[in-house]
Amino acid sequence: MALGVHIAFVSVLYLRGATLFGYKPDGISWALATSASLLPDIDLPPARIAAALEKMPRPPAVI
């Protein structure tokens, strides 16, 4: 799925869940939910996040 679809989907679920369970929605909780919803796509090749992380230097393996 695309990045925007993840954010839209989790926004609907977060607001619906907050309404259903009587919580007051706030920005910090929404930001945590949206950032967590992006994690499953990090390892896919076309993901922009994966491309950015791939350019980072990796530490040598310790044997």
Foldseek 3Di string as FASTA:
>chain_A
DDLVVLLVVQVVVVVVVCVVVVHDDDDVVSVVSSVVSCVVCLPDVVDPNVVVVVPDDDDDDDD
